[in-house]
Protein backbone atom coordinates (compact mmCIF):
# COMPACT_ATOMS: atom_id res chain seq x y z
CA UNK A 1 0.00 0.00 0.00
CA UNK A 2 1.48 3.32 -1.14
CA UNK A 3 0.76 6.53 0.59
CA UNK A 4 0.11 9.60 -1.52
CA UNK A 5 2.11 12.42 -0.02
CA UNK A 6 1.49 15.54 -2.17
CA UNK A 7 4.60 17.24 -0.86
CA UNK A 8 6.77 14.25 -1.83
CA UNK A 9 5.07 13.95 -5.24
CA UNK A 10 5.70 17.64 -5.95
CA UNK A 11 9.32 17.28 -4.88
CA UNK A 12 9.81 14.31 -7.23
CA UNK A 13 8.23 16.28 -10.10
CA UNK A 14 10.56 19.17 -9.36
CA UNK A 15 13.60 16.87 -9.42
CA UNK A 16 12.49 15.32 -12.71
CA UNK A 17 12.03 18.75 -14.25
CA UNK A 18 15.42 19.90 -12.98
CA UNK A 19 17.10 16.78 -14.40
CA UNK A 20 15.51 17.41 -17.80
CA UNK A 21 16.55 21.04 -17.71
CA UNK A 22 20.14 20.18 -16.81
CA UNK A 23 20.29 17.55 -19.55
CA UNK A 24 19.07 20.11 -22.09
CA UNK A 25 21.58 22.66 -20.85
CA UNK A 26 24.36 20.10 -21.19
CA UNK A 27 23.40 19.31 -24.79
CA UNK A 28 23.16 22.99 -25.64
CA UNK A 29 26.54 23.72 -24.05
CA UNK A 30 28.14 20.88 -26.01
CA UNK A 31 26.70 22.19 -29.27
CA UNK A 32 27.89 25.71 -28.46
CA UNK A 33 31.43 24.48 -27.74
CA UNK A 34 31.45 22.49 -30.99
CA UNK A 35 30.26 25.53 -32.97
CA UNK A 36 32.85 27.80 -31.35
CA UNK A 37 35.62 25.29 -32.06
CA UNK A 38 34.55 25.07 -35.71
CA UNK A 39 34.58 28.86 -35.96
CA UNK A 40 37.95 29.16 -34.25
CA UNK A 41 39.72 26.40 -36.21
CA UNK A 42 37.92 27.10 -39.46
CA UNK A 43 40.29 29.94 -40.27
CA UNK A 44 43.36 27.72 -40.15
CA UNK A 45 44.63 26.05 -43.29
CA UNK A 46 44.86 22.41 -42.32
CA UNK A 47 45.79 19.77 -44.88
CA UNK A 48 44.51 16.25 -45.08
CA UNK A 49 46.78 13.30 -44.41
CA UNK A 50 46.59 12.34 -48.11
CA UNK A 51 47.75 15.82 -49.18
CA UNK A 52 50.59 15.73 -46.67
CA UNK A 53 51.75 12.29 -47.83
CA UNK A 54 51.61 13.37 -51.49
CA UNK A 55 53.77 16.45 -50.84
CA UNK A 56 56.15 14.40 -48.72
CA UNK A 57 56.58 11.94 -51.60
CA UNK A 58 57.17 14.80 -54.06
CA UNK A 59 59.83 16.27 -51.78
CA UNK A 60 61.61 12.91 -51.50
CA UNK A 61 61.59 12.54 -55.29
CA UNK A 62 62.92 16.08 -55.71
CA UNK A 63 65.76 15.39 -53.24
CA UNK A 64 66.74 12.27 -55.18
CA UNK A 65 66.75 14.22 -58.46
CA UNK A 66 68.87 16.96 -56.89
CA UNK A 67 71.43 14.43 -55.70
CA UNK A 68 71.53 12.83 -59.16
CA UNK A 69 72.00 16.21 -60.82
CA UNK A 70 74.74 17.19 -58.35
CA UNK A 71 76.64 14.01 -59.18
CA UNK A 72 76.22 14.63 -62.92
CA UNK A 73 77.42 18.24 -62.60
CA UNK A 74 80.44 17.08 -60.63
CA UNK A 75 81.29 14.55 -63.40
CA UNK A 76 80.90 17.20 -66.10
CA UNK A 77 83.06 19.69 -64.18
CA UNK A 78 85.69 17.00 -63.75
CA UNK A 79 85.59 16.21 -67.49
CA UNK A 80 85.93 19.89 -68.39
CA UNK A 81 88.82 20.33 -65.95
CA UNK A 82 90.66 17.36 -67.50
CA UNK A 83 90.26 18.83 -71.02
CA UNK A 84 91.75 22.16 -70.03
């Protein structure tokens, strides 16, 4: 047998309402933080991992070509020096 205490019932309703309000505030705060972060970081020029890897590969290829050309120039300079 349950007793109906109006004061207790009102208190429980108040707690339920407060819990719902706090949950809504938490969701709204999270959305606000996400929006602010998007606004703040949106101005930065970030690259994707694929773009970074592609440029890294191009740089490695360019370094190899530079080393090859340096060696070839050294050989040509040596050949010219021997002819003089």
